[in-house]
Amino acid sequence: MTSVNKNGASSVEALEMAEGMYRDVATELAEAMEGVRRGELAEAKAARAAVRDLRAALQLLLEERNRVEKLRREAAGVVEGHTLDFAAARIEIGRRLACLRDARGS
């Protein structure tokens, strides 16, 4: 089960896009840090911008990952960490209805 976000992409696609953005910005940051180590002060500004972008990409990545995990749990019938046993629930409902019928006298 996947959901479609406001941009028309599924949660899985959005997660993959966020991971790609994260890798790209991490590469830019590594290149900027290498420039700073070589003494290129202009790269310090680029490094700061890359860190900001990396933080935003990481936040997007985590949000999408949480959304996908929630959808997977819902698709598997997991609620609050427990799998729902529909067969047992059906039996219990039938048992309770039988008790109500017996109590009513019919």
PDB file of N, CA and C in Angstrom:
ATOM      1  N   MET A   1       0.854  -1.174   0.000  1.00  0.00           N
ATOM      2  CA  MET A   1       0.000   0.000   0.000  1.00  0.00           C
ATOM      3  C   MET A   1       0.895   1.230   0.000  1.00  0.00           C
ATOM      4  N   THR A   2       0.747   2.097  -0.984  1.00  0.00           N
ATOM      5  CA  THR A   2       1.494   3.342  -1.020  1.00  0.00           C
ATOM      6  C   THR A   2       0.511   4.483  -1.123  1.00  0.00           C
ATOM      7  N   SER A   3       0.910   5.609  -0.574  1.00  0.00           N
ATOM      8  CA  SER A   3       0.061   6.787  -0.685  1.00  0.00           C
ATOM      9  C   SER A   3       0.680   7.711  -1.717  1.00  0.00           C
ATOM     10  N   VAL A   4      -0.123   8.601  -2.225  1.00  0.00           N
ATOM     11  CA  VAL A   4       0.353   9.569  -3.204  1.00  0.00           C
ATOM     12  C   VAL A   4       0.350  10.924  -2.530  1.00  0.00           C
ATOM     13  N   ASN A   5       1.512  11.608  -2.563  1.00  0.00           N
ATOM     14  CA  ASN A   5       1.593  12.909  -1.917  1.00  0.00           C
ATOM     15  C   ASN A   5       1.092  14.001  -2.850  1.00  0.00           C
ATOM     16  N   LYS A   6       1.170  15.253  -2.402  1.00  0.00           N
ATOM     17  CA  LYS A   6       0.601  16.358  -3.170  1.00  0.00           C
ATOM     18  C   LYS A   6       1.312  16.586  -4.501  1.00  0.00           C
ATOM     19  N   ASN A   7       2.539  16.084  -4.659  1.00  0.00           N
ATOM     20  CA  ASN A   7       3.259  16.228  -5.919  1.00  0.00           C
ATOM     21  C   ASN A   7       2.982  15.079  -6.872  1.00  0.00           C
ATOM     22  N   GLY A   8       2.148  14.122  -6.463  1.00  0.00           N
ATOM     23  CA  GLY A   8       1.803  13.006  -7.317  1.00  0.00           C
ATOM     24  C   GLY A   8       2.747  11.825  -7.202  1.00  0.00           C
ATOM     25  N   ALA A   9       3.742  11.905  -6.335  1.00  0.00           N
ATOM     26  CA  ALA A   9       4.694  10.802  -6.171  1.00  0.00           C
ATOM     27  C   ALA A   9       4.240   9.920  -5.019  1.00  0.00           C
ATOM     28  N   SER A  10       4.509   8.631  -5.144  1.00  0.00           N
ATOM     29  CA  SER A  10       4.173   7.731  -4.049  1.00  0.00           C
ATOM     30  C   SER A  10       5.172   7.949  -2.920  1.00  0.00           C
ATOM     31  N   SER A  11       4.838   7.465  -1.727  1.00  0.00           N
ATOM     32  CA  SER A  11       5.727   7.618  -0.581  1.00  0.00           C
ATOM     33  C   SER A  11       7.065   6.946  -0.832  1.00  0.00           C
ATOM     34  N   VAL A  12       7.048   5.794  -1.489  1.00  0.00           N
ATOM     35  CA  VAL A  12       8.298   5.085  -1.770  1.00  0.00           C
ATOM     36  C   VAL A  12       9.156   5.904  -2.728  1.00  0.00           C
ATOM     37  N   GLU A  13       8.531   6.469  -3.767  1.00  0.00           N
ATOM     38  CA  GLU A  13       9.280   7.304  -4.710  1.00  0.00           C
ATOM     39  C   GLU A  13       9.827   8.542  -4.016  1.00  0.00           C
ATOM     40  N   ALA A  14       9.033   9.142  -3.139  1.00  0.00           N
ATOM     41  CA  ALA A  14       9.480  10.327  -2.412  1.00  0.00           C
ATOM     42  C   ALA A  14      10.650   9.980  -1.502  1.00  0.00           C
ATOM     43  N   LEU A  15      10.604   8.812  -0.883  1.00  0.00           N
ATOM     44  CA  LEU A  15      11.704   8.370  -0.033  1.00  0.00           C
ATOM     45  C   LEU A  15      12.973   8.194  -0.863  1.00  0.00           C
ATOM     46  N   GLU A  16      12.847   7.581  -2.026  1.00  0.00           N
ATOM     47  CA  GLU A  16      14.006   7.393  -2.900  1.00  0.00           C
ATOM     48  C   GLU A  16      14.564   8.736  -3.364  1.00  0.00           C
ATOM     49  N   MET A  17      13.676   9.695  -3.676  1.00  0.00           N
ATOM     50  CA  MET A  17      14.130  11.024  -4.080  1.00  0.00           C
ATOM     51  C   MET A  17      14.860  11.705  -2.928  1.00  0.00           C
ATOM     52  N   ALA A  18      14.325  11.591  -1.715  1.00  0.00           N
ATOM     53  CA  ALA A  18      14.956  12.212  -0.552  1.00  0.00           C
ATOM     54  C   ALA A  18      16.329  11.600  -0.301  1.00  0.00           C
ATOM     55  N   GLU A  19      16.435  10.282  -0.433  1.00  0.00           N
ATOM     56  CA  GLU A  19      17.733   9.629  -0.247  1.00  0.00           C
ATOM     57  C   GLU A  19      18.731  10.100  -1.300  1.00  0.00           C
ATOM     58  N   GLY A  20      18.265  10.271  -2.539  1.00  0.00           N
ATOM     59  CA  GLY A  20      19.136  10.781  -3.599  1.00  0.00           C
ATOM     60  C   GLY A  20      19.605  12.196  -3.308  1.00  0.00           C
ATOM     61  N   MET A  21      18.683  13.049  -2.854  1.00  0.00           N
ATOM     62  CA  MET A  21      19.046  14.415  -2.486  1.00  0.00           C
ATOM     63  C   MET A  21      20.069  14.404  -1.364  1.00  0.00           C
ATOM     64  N   TYR A  22      19.866  13.538  -0.391  1.00  0.00           N
ATOM     65  CA  TYR A  22      20.766  13.438   0.753  1.00  0.00           C
ATOM     66  C   TYR A  22      22.173  13.069   0.276  1.00  0.00           C
ATOM     67  N   ARG A  23      22.271  12.085  -0.608  1.00  0.00           N
ATOM     68  CA  ARG A  23      23.584  11.674  -1.129  1.00  0.00           C
ATOM     69  C   ARG A  23      24.243  12.815  -1.914  1.00  0.00           C
ATOM     70  N   ASP A  24      23.455  13.522  -2.739  1.00  0.00           N
ATOM     71  CA  ASP A  24      24.004  14.621  -3.534  1.00  0.00           C
ATOM     72  C   ASP A  24      24.559  15.729  -2.646  1.00  0.00           C
ATOM     73  N   VAL A  25      23.787  16.124  -1.645  1.00  0.00           N
ATOM     74  CA  VAL A  25      24.219  17.208  -0.764  1.00  0.00           C
ATOM     75  C   VAL A  25      25.409  16.763   0.076  1.00  0.00           C
ATOM     76  N   ALA A  26      25.423  15.507   0.503  1.00  0.00           N
ATOM     77  CA  ALA A  26      26.563  15.000   1.267  1.00  0.00           C
ATOM     78  C   ALA A  26      27.833  15.057   0.418  1.00  0.00           C
ATOM     79  N   THR A  27      27.712  14.750  -0.864  1.00  0.00           N
ATOM     80  CA  THR A  27      28.863  14.829  -1.769  1.00  0.00           C
ATOM     81  C   THR A  27      29.323  16.275  -1.910  1.00  0.00           C
ATOM     82  N   GLU A  28      28.368  17.200  -2.083  1.00  0.00           N
ATOM     83  CA  GLU A  28      28.707  18.625  -2.178  1.00  0.00           C
ATOM     84  C   GLU A  28      29.405  19.096  -0.915  1.00  0.00           C
ATOM     85  N   LEU A  29      28.917  18.662   0.229  1.00  0.00           N
ATOM     86  CA  LEU A  29      29.521  19.061   1.496  1.00  0.00           C
ATOM     87  C   LEU A  29      30.947  18.536   1.592  1.00  0.00           C
ATOM     88  N   ALA A  30      31.160  17.291   1.208  1.00  0.00           N
ATOM     89  CA  ALA A  30      32.508  16.717   1.255  1.00  0.00           C
ATOM     90  C   ALA A  30      33.455  17.500   0.347  1.00  0.00           C
ATOM     91  N   GLU A  31      32.974  17.875  -0.845  1.00  0.00           N
ATOM     92  CA  GLU A  31      33.801  18.657  -1.770  1.00  0.00           C
ATOM     93  C   GLU A  31      34.101  20.038  -1.193  1.00  0.00           C
ATOM     94  N   ALA A  32      33.104  20.673  -0.579  1.00  0.00           N
ATOM     95  CA  ALA A  32      33.305  21.993   0.019  1.00  0.00           C
ATOM     96  C   ALA A  32      34.285  21.906   1.182  1.00  0.00           C
ATOM     97  N   MET A  33      34.176  20.876   1.997  1.00  0.00           N
ATOM     98  CA  MET A  33      35.090  20.717   3.133  1.00  0.00           C
ATOM     99  C   MET A  33      36.519  20.489   2.633  1.00  0.00           C
ATOM    100  N   GLU A  34      36.663  19.771   1.548  1.00  0.00           N
ATOM    101  CA  GLU A  34      37.990  19.555   0.957  1.00  0.00           C
ATOM    102  C   GLU A  34      38.568  20.894   0.504  1.00  0.00           C
ATOM    103  N   GLY A  35      37.727  21.753  -0.084  1.00  0.00           N
ATOM    104  CA  GLY A  35      38.168  23.083  -0.492  1.00  0.00           C
ATOM    105  C   GLY A  35      38.581  23.931   0.694  1.00  0.00           C
ATOM    106  N   VAL A  36      37.847  23.843   1.797  1.00  0.00           N
ATOM    107  CA  VAL A  36      38.194  24.590   3.009  1.00  0.00           C
ATOM    108  C   VAL A  36      39.551  24.110   3.522  1.00  0.00           C
ATOM    109  N   ARG A  37      39.780  22.816   3.491  1.00  0.00           N
ATOM    110  CA  ARG A  37      41.071  22.266   3.949  1.00  0.00           C
ATOM    111  C   ARG A  37      42.232  22.771   3.078  1.00  0.00           C
ATOM    112  N   ARG A  38      41.945  23.006   1.799  1.00  0.00           N
ATOM    113  CA  ARG A  38      42.976  23.526   0.897  1.00  0.00           C
ATOM    114  C   ARG A  38      43.144  25.038   1.052  1.00  0.00           C
ATOM    115  N   GLY A  39      42.301  25.661   1.868  1.00  0.00           N
ATOM    116  CA  GLY A  39      42.421  27.093   2.106  1.00  0.00           C
ATOM    117  C   GLY A  39      41.527  27.946   1.237  1.00  0.00           C
ATOM    118  N   GLU A  40      40.621  27.362   0.517  1.00  0.00           N
ATOM    119  CA  GLU A  40      39.699  28.116  -0.332  1.00  0.00           C
ATOM    120  C   GLU A  40      38.532  28.592   0.533  1.00  0.00           C
ATOM    121  N   LEU A  41      38.607  29.852   0.953  1.00  0.00           N
ATOM    122  CA  LEU A  41      37.605  30.377   1.880  1.00  0.00           C
ATOM    123  C   LEU A  41      36.225  30.506   1.249  1.00  0.00           C
ATOM    124  N   ALA A  42      36.164  30.633  -0.061  1.00  0.00           N
ATOM    125  CA  ALA A  42      34.855  30.710  -0.722  1.00  0.00           C
ATOM    126  C   ALA A  42      34.081  29.415  -0.508  1.00  0.00           C
ATOM    127  N   GLU A  43      34.821  28.325  -0.328  1.00  0.00           N
ATOM    128  CA  GLU A  43      34.170  27.033  -0.108  1.00  0.00           C
ATOM    129  C   GLU A  43      33.493  26.959   1.261  1.00  0.00           C
ATOM    130  N   ALA A  44      33.912  27.787   2.219  1.00  0.00           N
ATOM    131  CA  ALA A  44      33.283  27.782   3.545  1.00  0.00           C
ATOM    132  C   ALA A  44      31.816  28.179   3.434  1.00  0.00           C
ATOM    133  N   LYS A  45      31.545  29.158   2.589  1.00  0.00           N
ATOM    134  CA  LYS A  45      30.155  29.575   2.383  1.00  0.00           C
ATOM    135  C   LYS A  45      29.361  28.450   1.725  1.00  0.00           C
ATOM    136  N   ALA A  46      29.972  27.794   0.753  1.00  0.00           N
ATOM    137  CA  ALA A  46      29.308  26.665   0.097  1.00  0.00           C
ATOM    138  C   ALA A  46      29.088  25.530   1.087  1.00  0.00           C
ATOM    139  N   ALA A  47      30.042  25.323   1.991  1.00  0.00           N
ATOM    140  CA  ALA A  47      29.900  24.264   3.000  1.00  0.00           C
ATOM    141  C   ALA A  47      28.728  24.569   3.917  1.00  0.00           C
ATOM    142  N   ARG A  48      28.602  25.825   4.323  1.00  0.00           N
ATOM    143  CA  ARG A  48      27.481  26.208   5.185  1.00  0.00           C
ATOM    144  C   ARG A  48      26.148  25.966   4.484  1.00  0.00           C
ATOM    145  N   ALA A  49      26.077  26.346   3.208  1.00  0.00           N
ATOM    146  CA  ALA A  49      24.842  26.126   2.440  1.00  0.00           C
ATOM    147  C   ALA A  49      24.576  24.634   2.272  1.00  0.00           C
ATOM    148  N   ALA A  50      25.631  23.858   2.055  1.00  0.00           N
ATOM    149  CA  ALA A  50      25.455  22.409   1.901  1.00  0.00           C
ATOM    150  C   ALA A  50      24.962  21.777   3.196  1.00  0.00           C
ATOM    151  N   VAL A  51      25.471  22.255   4.326  1.00  0.00           N
ATOM    152  CA  VAL A  51      24.999  21.731   5.619  1.00  0.00           C
ATOM    153  C   VAL A  51      23.520  22.040   5.792  1.00  0.00           C
ATOM    154  N   ARG A  52      23.120  23.245   5.443  1.00  0.00           N
ATOM    155  CA  ARG A  52      21.711  23.625   5.539  1.00  0.00           C
ATOM    156  C   ARG A  52      20.855  22.730   4.637  1.00  0.00           C
ATOM    157  N   ASP A  53      21.313  22.528   3.405  1.00  0.00           N
ATOM    158  CA  ASP A  53      20.586  21.656   2.476  1.00  0.00           C
ATOM    159  C   ASP A  53      20.561  20.214   2.967  1.00  0.00           C
ATOM    160  N   LEU A  54      21.677  19.771   3.529  1.00  0.00           N
ATOM    161  CA  LEU A  54      21.762  18.407   4.044  1.00  0.00           C
ATOM    162  C   LEU A  54      20.783  18.203   5.195  1.00  0.00           C
ATOM    163  N   ARG A  55      20.688  19.196   6.057  1.00  0.00           N
ATOM    164  CA  ARG A  55      19.749  19.105   7.179  1.00  0.00           C
ATOM    165  C   ARG A  55      18.307  19.025   6.671  1.00  0.00           C
ATOM    166  N   ALA A  56      17.973  19.845   5.672  1.00  0.00           N
ATOM    167  CA  ALA A  56      16.618  19.814   5.110  1.00  0.00           C
ATOM    168  C   ALA A  56      16.345  18.477   4.424  1.00  0.00           C
ATOM    169  N   ALA A  57      17.342  17.969   3.687  1.00  0.00           N
ATOM    170  CA  ALA A  57      17.167  16.680   3.013  1.00  0.00           C
ATOM    171  C   ALA A  57      17.020  15.553   4.024  1.00  0.00           C
ATOM    172  N   LEU A  58      17.791  15.615   5.096  1.00  0.00           N
ATOM    173  CA  LEU A  58      17.696  14.586   6.130  1.00  0.00           C
ATOM    174  C   LEU A  58      16.321  14.609   6.783  1.00  0.00           C
ATOM    175  N   GLN A  59      15.806  15.806   7.050  1.00  0.00           N
ATOM    176  CA  GLN A  59      14.475  15.908   7.644  1.00  0.00           C
ATOM    177  C   GLN A  59      13.424  15.320   6.701  1.00  0.00           C
ATOM    178  N   LEU A  60      13.510  15.641   5.430  1.00  0.00           N
ATOM    179  CA  LEU A  60      12.584  15.090   4.441  1.00  0.00           C
ATOM    180  C   LEU A  60      12.711  13.571   4.371  1.00  0.00           C
ATOM    181  N   LEU A  61      13.939  13.087   4.387  1.00  0.00           N
ATOM    182  CA  LEU A  61      14.191  11.648   4.347  1.00  0.00           C
ATOM    183  C   LEU A  61      13.554  10.948   5.541  1.00  0.00           C
ATOM    184  N   LEU A  62      13.742  11.505   6.728  1.00  0.00           N
ATOM    185  CA  LEU A  62      13.174  10.886   7.926  1.00  0.00           C
ATOM    186  C   LEU A  62      11.651  10.920   7.914  1.00  0.00           C
ATOM    187  N   GLU A  63      11.074  12.031   7.474  1.00  0.00           N
ATOM    188  CA  GLU A  63       9.616  12.119   7.397  1.00  0.00           C
ATOM    189  C   GLU A  63       9.054  11.087   6.427  1.00  0.00           C
ATOM    190  N   GLU A  64       9.660  10.965   5.262  1.00  0.00           N
ATOM    191  CA  GLU A  64       9.182   9.990   4.276  1.00  0.00           C
ATOM    192  C   GLU A  64       9.387   8.565   4.766  1.00  0.00           C
ATOM    193  N   ARG A  65      10.523   8.315   5.415  1.00  0.00           N
ATOM    194  CA  ARG A  65      10.786   6.973   5.930  1.00  0.00           C
ATOM    195  C   ARG A  65       9.742   6.599   6.980  1.00  0.00           C
ATOM    196  N   ASN A  66       9.407   7.550   7.857  1.00  0.00           N
ATOM    197  CA  ASN A  66       8.369   7.296   8.864  1.00  0.00           C
ATOM    198  C   ASN A  66       7.019   7.052   8.204  1.00  0.00           C
ATOM    199  N   ARG A  67       6.712   7.837   7.182  1.00  0.00           N
ATOM    200  CA  ARG A  67       5.442   7.679   6.474  1.00  0.00           C
ATOM    201  C   ARG A  67       5.355   6.303   5.806  1.00  0.00           C
ATOM    202  N   VAL A  68       6.438   5.889   5.161  1.00  0.00           N
ATOM    203  CA  VAL A  68       6.456   4.581   4.497  1.00  0.00           C
ATOM    204  C   VAL A  68       6.336   3.461   5.529  1.00  0.00           C
ATOM    205  N   GLU A  69       7.054   3.588   6.641  1.00  0.00           N
ATOM    206  CA  GLU A  69       6.980   2.552   7.684  1.00  0.00           C
ATOM    207  C   GLU A  69       5.564   2.458   8.256  1.00  0.00           C
ATOM    208  N   LYS A  70       4.915   3.598   8.443  1.00  0.00           N
ATOM    209  CA  LYS A  70       3.540   3.591   8.950  1.00  0.00           C
ATOM    210  C   LYS A  70       2.611   2.891   7.953  1.00  0.00           C
ATOM    211  N   LEU A  71       2.788   3.185   6.676  1.00  0.00           N
ATOM    212  CA  LEU A  71       1.965   2.540   5.648  1.00  0.00           C
ATOM    213  C   LEU A  71       2.207   1.034   5.611  1.00  0.00           C
ATOM    214  N   ARG A  72       3.462   0.624   5.772  1.00  0.00           N
ATOM    215  CA  ARG A  72       3.763  -0.815   5.794  1.00  0.00           C
ATOM    216  C   ARG A  72       3.090  -1.501   6.978  1.00  0.00           C
ATOM    217  N   ARG A  73       3.145  -0.848   8.144  1.00  0.00           N
ATOM    218  CA  ARG A  73       2.497  -1.430   9.332  1.00  0.00           C
ATOM    219  C   ARG A  73       0.993  -1.515   9.131  1.00  0.00           C
ATOM    220  N   GLU A  74       0.396  -0.466   8.568  1.00  0.00           N
ATOM    221  CA  GLU A  74      -1.048  -0.486   8.326  1.00  0.00           C
ATOM    222  C   GLU A  74      -1.417  -1.585   7.341  1.00  0.00           C
ATOM    223  N   ALA A  75      -0.610  -1.749   6.301  1.00  0.00           N
ATOM    224  CA  ALA A  75      -0.885  -2.785   5.308  1.00  0.00           C
ATOM    225  C   ALA A  75      -0.765  -4.178   5.913  1.00  0.00           C
ATOM    226  N   ALA A  76       0.116  -4.324   6.899  1.00  0.00           N
ATOM    227  CA  ALA A  76       0.305  -5.620   7.552  1.00  0.00           C
ATOM    228  C   ALA A  76      -0.698  -5.839   8.678  1.00  0.00           C
ATOM    229  N   GLY A  77      -1.520  -4.835   8.980  1.00  0.00           N
ATOM    230  CA  GLY A  77      -2.506  -4.966  10.051  1.00  0.00           C
ATOM    231  C   GLY A  77      -1.911  -4.767  11.432  1.00  0.00           C
ATOM    232  N   VAL A  78      -0.802  -4.042  11.522  1.00  0.00           N
ATOM    233  CA  VAL A  78      -0.151  -3.804  12.806  1.00  0.00           C
ATOM    234  C   VAL A  78      -0.659  -2.483  13.370  1.00  0.00           C
ATOM    235  N   VAL A  79      -1.163  -2.534  14.611  1.00  0.00           N
ATOM    236  CA  VAL A  79      -1.653  -1.340  15.285  1.00  0.00           C
ATOM    237  C   VAL A  79      -0.939  -1.244  16.618  1.00  0.00           C
ATOM    238  N   GLU A  80      -0.286  -0.115  16.861  1.00  0.00           N
ATOM    239  CA  GLU A  80       0.447   0.114  18.103  1.00  0.00           C
ATOM    240  C   GLU A  80       1.393  -1.041  18.416  1.00  0.00           C
ATOM    241  N   GLY A  81       2.076  -1.527  17.410  1.00  0.00           N
ATOM    242  CA  GLY A  81       3.067  -2.570  17.611  1.00  0.00           C
ATOM    243  C   GLY A  81       2.524  -3.977  17.700  1.00  0.00           C
ATOM    244  N   HIS A  82       1.225  -4.169  17.584  1.00  0.00           N
ATOM    245  CA  HIS A  82       0.630  -5.499  17.688  1.00  0.00           C
ATOM    246  C   HIS A  82      -0.113  -5.826  16.397  1.00  0.00           C
ATOM    247  N   THR A  83       0.030  -7.052  15.954  1.00  0.00           N
ATOM    248  CA  THR A  83      -0.695  -7.512  14.778  1.00  0.00           C
ATOM    249  C   THR A  83      -2.119  -7.849  15.171  1.00  0.00           C
ATOM    250  N   LEU A  84      -3.067  -7.396  14.369  1.00  0.00           N
ATOM    251  CA  LEU A  84      -4.468  -7.693  14.649  1.00  0.00           C
ATOM    252  C   LEU A  84      -4.796  -9.116  14.204  1.00  0.00           C
ATOM    253  N   ASP A  85      -5.463  -9.862  15.072  1.00  0.00           N
ATOM    254  CA  ASP A  85      -5.885 -11.224  14.757  1.00  0.00           C
ATOM    255  C   ASP A  85      -7.384 -11.172  14.487  1.00  0.00           C
ATOM    256  N   PHE A  86      -7.731 -11.001  13.212  1.00  0.00           N
ATOM    257  CA  PHE A  86      -9.135 -10.841  12.849  1.00  0.00           C
ATOM    258  C   PHE A  86      -9.941 -12.109  13.093  1.00  0.00           C
ATOM    259  N   ALA A  87      -9.333 -13.256  12.923  1.00  0.00           N
ATOM    260  CA  ALA A  87     -10.051 -14.517  13.170  1.00  0.00           C
ATOM    261  C   ALA A  87     -10.429 -14.619  14.643  1.00  0.00           C
ATOM    262  N   ALA A  88      -9.502 -14.300  15.531  1.00  0.00           N
ATOM    263  CA  ALA A  88      -9.794 -14.350  16.966  1.00  0.00           C
ATOM    264  C   ALA A  88     -10.843 -13.305  17.332  1.00  0.00           C
ATOM    265  N   ALA A  89     -10.770 -12.137  16.700  1.00  0.00           N
ATOM    266  CA  ALA A  89     -11.756 -11.091  16.970  1.00  0.00           C
ATOM    267  C   ALA A  89     -13.145 -11.541  16.527  1.00  0.00           C
ATOM    268  N   ARG A  90     -13.226 -12.186  15.361  1.00  0.00           N
ATOM    269  CA  ARG A  90     -14.504 -12.691  14.866  1.00  0.00           C
ATOM    270  C   ARG A  90     -15.087 -13.726  15.835  1.00  0.00           C
ATOM    271  N   ILE A  91     -14.257 -14.623  16.324  1.00  0.00           N
ATOM    272  CA  ILE A  91     -14.713 -15.648  17.277  1.00  0.00           C
ATOM    273  C   ILE A  91     -15.209 -14.999  18.563  1.00  0.00           C
ATOM    274  N   GLU A  92     -14.464 -14.008  19.050  1.00  0.00           N
ATOM    275  CA  GLU A  92     -14.854 -13.331  20.293  1.00  0.00           C
ATOM    276  C   GLU A  92     -16.170 -12.581  20.114  1.00  0.00           C
ATOM    277  N   ILE A  93     -16.351 -11.930  18.989  1.00  0.00           N
ATOM    278  CA  ILE A  93     -17.615 -11.227  18.727  1.00  0.00           C
ATOM    279  C   ILE A  93     -18.767 -12.221  18.684  1.00  0.00           C
ATOM    280  N   GLY A  94     -18.564 -13.342  18.002  1.00  0.00           N
ATOM    281  CA  GLY A  94     -19.601 -14.380  17.958  1.00  0.00           C
ATOM    282  C   GLY A  94     -19.935 -14.904  19.346  1.00  0.00           C
ATOM    283  N   ARG A  95     -18.909 -15.113  20.166  1.00  0.00           N
ATOM    284  CA  ARG A  95     -19.127 -15.598  21.529  1.00  0.00           C
ATOM    285  C   ARG A  95     -19.948 -14.597  22.336  1.00  0.00           C
ATOM    286  N   ARG A  96     -19.596 -13.329  22.216  1.00  0.00           N
ATOM    287  CA  ARG A  96     -20.323 -12.305  22.975  1.00  0.00           C
ATOM    288  C   ARG A  96     -21.764 -12.170  22.490  1.00  0.00           C
ATOM    289  N   LEU A  97     -21.971 -12.268  21.178  1.00  0.00           N
ATOM    290  CA  LEU A  97     -23.341 -12.221  20.660  1.00  0.00           C
ATOM    291  C   LEU A  97     -24.151 -13.412  21.163  1.00  0.00           C
ATOM    292  N   ALA A  98     -23.529 -14.587  21.224  1.00  0.00           N
ATOM    293  CA  ALA A  98     -24.212 -15.777  21.750  1.00  0.00           C
ATOM    294  C   ALA A  98     -24.583 -15.579  23.211  1.00  0.00           C
ATOM    295  N   CYS A  99     -23.699 -14.974  23.982  1.00  0.00           N
ATOM    296  CA  CYS A  99     -23.998 -14.698  25.391  1.00  0.00           C
ATOM    297  C   CYS A  99     -25.181 -13.740  25.514  1.00  0.00           C
ATOM    298  N   LEU A 100     -25.212 -12.719  24.650  1.00  0.00           N
ATOM    299  CA  LEU A 100     -26.328 -11.770  24.683  1.00  0.00           C
ATOM    300  C   LEU A 100     -27.641 -12.455  24.300  1.00  0.00           C
ATOM    301  N   ARG A 101     -27.597 -13.334  23.291  1.00  0.00           N
ATOM    302  CA  ARG A 101     -28.805 -14.066  22.899  1.00  0.00           C
ATOM    303  C   ARG A 101     -29.280 -14.959  24.044  1.00  0.00           C
ATOM    304  N   ASP A 102     -28.349 -15.640  24.705  1.00  0.00           N
ATOM    305  CA  ASP A 102     -28.710 -16.512  25.834  1.00  0.00           C
ATOM    306  C   ASP A 102     -29.292 -15.703  26.988  1.00  0.00           C
ATOM    307  N   ALA A 103     -28.725 -14.539  27.229  1.00  0.00           N
ATOM    308  CA  ALA A 103     -29.209 -13.709  28.329  1.00  0.00           C
ATOM    309  C   ALA A 103     -30.598 -13.162  28.031  1.00  0.00           C
ATOM    310  N   ARG A 104     -30.895 -12.944  26.760  1.00  0.00           N
ATOM    311  CA  ARG A 104     -32.191 -12.433  26.355  1.00  0.00           C
ATOM    312  C   ARG A 104     -33.242 -13.537  26.447  1.00  0.00           C
ATOM    313  N   GLY A 105     -32.814 -14.777  26.376  1.00  0.00           N
ATOM    314  CA  GLY A 105     -33.748 -15.880  26.517  1.00  0.00           C
ATOM    315  C   GLY A 105     -34.260 -16.420  25.206  1.00  0.00           C
ATOM    316  N   SER A 106     -33.631 -16.116  24.099  1.00  0.00           N
ATOM    317  CA  SER A 106     -34.116 -16.659  22.828  1.00  0.00           C
ATOM    318  C   SER A 106     -33.148 -17.623  22.233  1.00  0.00           C
TER     319      SER A 106
END
